[in-house]
Amino acid sequence: MIGRKHMQAHSEELNYSRTSVYSLKYHLILVTKYRKDVLVGPIKQELEQLLISMTEQFGGKILEMEIMPDHVHMLVDASPKNSLSSMMKGYKGVSARMLFMHHPELKKQLWGGHLWQPSYFACTVSERSEELIKEYIRNQKTSRGK
């Protein structure tokens, strides 16, 4: 059993629900199909709002996000109510459907009709590495030059 002192020491990083106490932070990366530079301008703005909204619907929050022209980095504080795979399926499926509907020119740039690569990157983030991951995400624009 987890001691009360241990939980109090980490209470700022913990989330509480009726049935659980948790800290589930993930560094997630989604990459566009063919690494096409399509996540720019109004598409980028709409994608950002979609990802924020979906994360809230999943019961989580985005702690850091950077949308590059060909990929997205997110640091997500997730809820145990949804599996990581169902969240990723939602992020990719809903965003692709909405962006294709609102920006039909995207399908011409992505000749296969898919916005995202079929795979994704996900890793857990500890309280010790959280600041390093946030800094890494923030520095994407300067390190990649896009």
C-alpha atoms as a PDB file:
ATOM      1  CA  MET A   1       0.000   0.000   0.000  1.00  0.00           C
ATOM      2  CA  ILE A   2       1.216   3.499  -0.796  1.00  0.00           C
ATOM      3  CA  GLY A   3       1.928   5.561   2.310  1.00  0.00           C
ATOM      4  CA  ARG A   4       0.195   8.882   2.938  1.00  0.00           C
ATOM      5  CA  LYS A   5       3.574  10.679   3.285  1.00  0.00           C
ATOM      6  CA  HIS A   6       4.675   9.443  -0.163  1.00  0.00           C
ATOM      7  CA  MET A   7       1.420  10.645  -1.738  1.00  0.00           C
ATOM      8  CA  GLN A   8       1.613  14.041  -0.005  1.00  0.00           C
ATOM      9  CA  ALA A   9       5.195  14.557  -1.171  1.00  0.00           C
ATOM     10  CA  HIS A  10       4.076  14.089  -4.785  1.00  0.00           C
ATOM     11  CA  SER A  11       0.573  15.578  -4.521  1.00  0.00           C
ATOM     12  CA  GLU A  12       1.331  18.341  -7.045  1.00  0.00           C
ATOM     13  CA  GLU A  13       2.040  15.729  -9.727  1.00  0.00           C
ATOM     14  CA  LEU A  14      -0.885  13.462  -8.855  1.00  0.00           C
ATOM     15  CA  ASN A  15      -4.412  13.429 -10.192  1.00  0.00           C
ATOM     16  CA  TYR A  16      -7.316  12.189  -8.110  1.00  0.00           C
ATOM     17  CA  SER A  17     -10.509  10.520  -9.194  1.00  0.00           C
ATOM     18  CA  ARG A  18     -13.191   8.689  -7.241  1.00  0.00           C
ATOM     19  CA  THR A  19     -11.455   5.357  -7.764  1.00  0.00           C
ATOM     20  CA  SER A  20      -7.774   6.163  -8.314  1.00  0.00           C
ATOM     21  CA  VAL A  21      -4.774   8.352  -7.685  1.00  0.00           C
ATOM     22  CA  TYR A  22      -2.536   8.563 -10.744  1.00  0.00           C
ATOM     23  CA  SER A  23       0.138  10.323 -12.743  1.00  0.00           C
ATOM     24  CA  LEU A  24       0.177   9.209 -16.385  1.00  0.00           C
ATOM     25  CA  LYS A  25       2.291  11.517 -18.487  1.00  0.00           C
ATOM     26  CA  TYR A  26       3.206  10.605 -22.044  1.00  0.00           C
ATOM     27  CA  HIS A  27       5.466  12.154 -24.671  1.00  0.00           C
ATOM     28  CA  LEU A  28       3.591  11.504 -27.931  1.00  0.00           C
ATOM     29  CA  ILE A  29       4.705  12.073 -31.516  1.00  0.00           C
ATOM     30  CA  LEU A  30       2.455  11.859 -34.569  1.00  0.00           C
ATOM     31  CA  VAL A  31       4.068  12.075 -37.999  1.00  0.00           C
ATOM     32  CA  THR A  32       2.352  13.027 -41.251  1.00  0.00           C
ATOM     33  CA  LYS A  33       2.199  10.485 -44.061  1.00  0.00           C
ATOM     34  CA  TYR A  34       5.299  10.707 -46.269  1.00  0.00           C
ATOM     35  CA  ARG A  35       6.569  13.355 -43.779  1.00  0.00           C
ATOM     36  CA  LYS A  36       4.761  15.946 -45.883  1.00  0.00           C
ATOM     37  CA  ASP A  37       4.959  19.532 -44.604  1.00  0.00           C
ATOM     38  CA  VAL A  38       1.197  20.095 -44.409  1.00  0.00           C
ATOM     39  CA  LEU A  39       0.674  21.181 -40.779  1.00  0.00           C
ATOM     40  CA  VAL A  40       0.989  24.912 -41.409  1.00  0.00           C
ATOM     41  CA  GLY A  41      -1.207  28.023 -41.269  1.00  0.00           C
ATOM     42  CA  PRO A  42      -4.920  27.436 -40.645  1.00  0.00           C
ATOM     43  CA  ILE A  43      -4.420  23.649 -40.688  1.00  0.00           C
ATOM     44  CA  LYS A  44      -1.933  23.914 -37.836  1.00  0.00           C
ATOM     45  CA  GLN A  45      -4.266  26.205 -35.867  1.00  0.00           C
ATOM     46  CA  GLU A  46      -7.249  23.904 -36.309  1.00  0.00           C
ATOM     47  CA  LEU A  47      -5.192  20.825 -35.440  1.00  0.00           C
ATOM     48  CA  GLU A  48      -4.008  22.465 -32.221  1.00  0.00           C
ATOM     49  CA  GLN A  49      -7.589  23.171 -31.144  1.00  0.00           C
ATOM     50  CA  LEU A  50      -8.700  19.651 -32.096  1.00  0.00           C
ATOM     51  CA  LEU A  51      -5.915  18.026 -30.077  1.00  0.00           C
ATOM     52  CA  ILE A  52      -6.634  20.187 -27.027  1.00  0.00           C
ATOM     53  CA  SER A  53     -10.356  19.437 -27.233  1.00  0.00           C
ATOM     54  CA  MET A  54      -9.848  15.684 -27.712  1.00  0.00           C
ATOM     55  CA  THR A  55      -7.409  15.513 -24.807  1.00  0.00           C
ATOM     56  CA  GLU A  56      -9.969  17.206 -22.573  1.00  0.00           C
ATOM     57  CA  GLN A  57     -12.617  14.729 -23.761  1.00  0.00           C
ATOM     58  CA  PHE A  58     -10.230  11.905 -22.842  1.00  0.00           C
ATOM     59  CA  GLY A  59     -10.027  13.392 -19.331  1.00  0.00           C
ATOM     60  CA  GLY A  60      -6.478  14.699 -19.713  1.00  0.00           C
ATOM     61  CA  LYS A  61      -4.640  17.881 -20.532  1.00  0.00           C
ATOM     62  CA  ILE A  62      -1.801  18.892 -22.808  1.00  0.00           C
ATOM     63  CA  LEU A  63       1.123  20.191 -20.770  1.00  0.00           C
ATOM     64  CA  GLU A  64       3.256  21.109 -23.791  1.00  0.00           C
ATOM     65  CA  MET A  65       2.719  20.921 -27.546  1.00  0.00           C
ATOM     66  CA  GLU A  66       4.620  21.894 -30.670  1.00  0.00           C
ATOM     67  CA  ILE A  67       3.204  21.378 -34.131  1.00  0.00           C
ATOM     68  CA  MET A  68       5.895  21.205 -36.783  1.00  0.00           C
ATOM     69  CA  PRO A  69       5.056  21.127 -40.520  1.00  0.00           C
ATOM     70  CA  ASP A  70       5.489  17.321 -40.659  1.00  0.00           C
ATOM     71  CA  HIS A  71       4.964  16.098 -37.088  1.00  0.00           C
ATOM     72  CA  VAL A  72       3.447  16.888 -33.687  1.00  0.00           C
ATOM     73  CA  HIS A  73       5.026  16.606 -30.236  1.00  0.00           C
ATOM     74  CA  MET A  74       2.751  16.543 -27.187  1.00  0.00           C
ATOM     75  CA  LEU A  75       3.336  16.060 -23.494  1.00  0.00           C
ATOM     76  CA  VAL A  76      -0.002  14.766 -22.231  1.00  0.00           C
ATOM     77  CA  ASP A  77      -1.179  14.281 -18.673  1.00  0.00           C
ATOM     78  CA  ALA A  78      -3.617  11.429 -19.304  1.00  0.00           C
ATOM     79  CA  SER A  79      -6.412   9.738 -17.415  1.00  0.00           C
ATOM     80  CA  PRO A  80      -6.489   5.973 -16.771  1.00  0.00           C
ATOM     81  CA  LYS A  81     -10.040   5.879 -18.162  1.00  0.00           C
ATOM     82  CA  ASN A  82      -8.709   5.657 -21.730  1.00  0.00           C
ATOM     83  CA  SER A  83      -5.956   3.438 -23.047  1.00  0.00           C
ATOM     84  CA  LEU A  84      -3.056   5.023 -24.855  1.00  0.00           C
ATOM     85  CA  SER A  85      -3.939   3.149 -28.061  1.00  0.00           C
ATOM     86  CA  SER A  86      -7.548   4.389 -28.004  1.00  0.00           C
ATOM     87  CA  MET A  87      -6.345   7.957 -27.436  1.00  0.00           C
ATOM     88  CA  MET A  88      -3.936   7.732 -30.381  1.00  0.00           C
ATOM     89  CA  LYS A  89      -6.632   6.209 -32.574  1.00  0.00           C
ATOM     90  CA  GLY A  90      -8.894   9.119 -31.636  1.00  0.00           C
ATOM     91  CA  TYR A  91      -6.232  11.771 -32.177  1.00  0.00           C
ATOM     92  CA  LYS A  92      -5.311  10.441 -35.601  1.00  0.00           C
ATOM     93  CA  GLY A  93      -8.780   9.455 -36.821  1.00  0.00           C
ATOM     94  CA  VAL A  94     -10.755  12.495 -35.700  1.00  0.00           C
ATOM     95  CA  SER A  95      -8.096  15.024 -36.675  1.00  0.00           C
ATOM     96  CA  ALA A  96      -7.677  13.495 -40.141  1.00  0.00           C
ATOM     97  CA  ARG A  97     -11.432  13.391 -40.736  1.00  0.00           C
ATOM     98  CA  MET A  98     -11.970  16.985 -39.590  1.00  0.00           C
ATOM     99  CA  LEU A  99      -8.948  18.435 -41.377  1.00  0.00           C
ATOM    100  CA  PHE A 100      -9.794  16.663 -44.656  1.00  0.00           C
ATOM    101  CA  MET A 101     -13.373  17.929 -44.383  1.00  0.00           C
ATOM    102  CA  HIS A 102     -12.360  21.545 -43.668  1.00  0.00           C
ATOM    103  CA  HIS A 103      -9.279  21.598 -45.912  1.00  0.00           C
ATOM    104  CA  PRO A 104      -9.942  19.441 -49.011  1.00  0.00           C
ATOM    105  CA  GLU A 105      -6.634  20.579 -50.547  1.00  0.00           C
ATOM    106  CA  LEU A 106      -4.883  18.308 -48.029  1.00  0.00           C
ATOM    107  CA  LYS A 107      -5.998  15.182 -49.893  1.00  0.00           C
ATOM    108  CA  LYS A 108      -4.257  16.427 -53.030  1.00  0.00           C
ATOM    109  CA  GLN A 109      -0.967  16.793 -51.138  1.00  0.00           C
ATOM    110  CA  LEU A 110      -1.361  13.377 -49.494  1.00  0.00           C
ATOM    111  CA  TRP A 111      -2.183  11.230 -52.490  1.00  0.00           C
ATOM    112  CA  GLY A 112      -2.999   8.135 -50.417  1.00  0.00           C
ATOM    113  CA  GLY A 113      -5.794   9.877 -48.526  1.00  0.00           C
ATOM    114  CA  HIS A 114      -4.109   9.406 -45.129  1.00  0.00           C
ATOM    115  CA  LEU A 115      -2.945  12.293 -42.976  1.00  0.00           C
ATOM    116  CA  TRP A 116      -0.844  10.300 -40.493  1.00  0.00           C
ATOM    117  CA  GLN A 117       1.736   7.542 -40.598  1.00  0.00           C
ATOM    118  CA  PRO A 118       0.187   4.299 -39.295  1.00  0.00           C
ATOM    119  CA  SER A 119       2.650   4.220 -36.375  1.00  0.00           C
ATOM    120  CA  TYR A 120       3.280   6.676 -33.563  1.00  0.00           C
ATOM    121  CA  PHE A 121       5.815   7.283 -30.803  1.00  0.00           C
ATOM    122  CA  ALA A 122       4.844   7.143 -27.122  1.00  0.00           C
ATOM    123  CA  CYS A 123       6.895   7.000 -23.959  1.00  0.00           C
ATOM    124  CA  THR A 124       6.106   7.552 -20.327  1.00  0.00           C
ATOM    125  CA  VAL A 125       7.490  10.627 -18.627  1.00  0.00           C
ATOM    126  CA  SER A 126       8.616  10.633 -15.009  1.00  0.00           C
ATOM    127  CA  GLU A 127       8.560  13.632 -12.730  1.00  0.00           C
ATOM    128  CA  ARG A 128      12.354  13.741 -13.073  1.00  0.00           C
ATOM    129  CA  SER A 129      12.303  13.918 -16.871  1.00  0.00           C
ATOM    130  CA  GLU A 130       9.196  16.099 -17.334  1.00  0.00           C
ATOM    131  CA  GLU A 131      11.070  19.426 -17.530  1.00  0.00           C
ATOM    132  CA  LEU A 132      13.602  17.975 -19.993  1.00  0.00           C
ATOM    133  CA  ILE A 133      10.779  16.744 -22.245  1.00  0.00           C
ATOM    134  CA  LYS A 134       9.000  20.127 -22.063  1.00  0.00           C
ATOM    135  CA  GLU A 135      12.223  21.891 -23.047  1.00  0.00           C
ATOM    136  CA  TYR A 136      12.829  19.412 -25.875  1.00  0.00           C
ATOM    137  CA  ILE A 137       9.321  20.016 -27.253  1.00  0.00           C
ATOM    138  CA  ARG A 138       9.666  23.811 -26.962  1.00  0.00           C
ATOM    139  CA  ASN A 139      12.981  23.705 -28.837  1.00  0.00           C
ATOM    140  CA  GLN A 140      11.686  21.734 -31.829  1.00  0.00           C
ATOM    141  CA  LYS A 141      11.375  24.783 -34.068  1.00  0.00           C
ATOM    142  CA  THR A 142      14.907  25.981 -33.449  1.00  0.00           C
ATOM    143  CA  SER A 143      16.532  22.554 -33.672  1.00  0.00           C
ATOM    144  CA  ARG A 144      14.721  21.466 -36.832  1.00  0.00           C
ATOM    145  CA  GLY A 145      14.700  24.855 -38.541  1.00  0.00           C
ATOM    146  CA  LYS A 146      11.110  24.537 -39.730  1.00  0.00           C
END
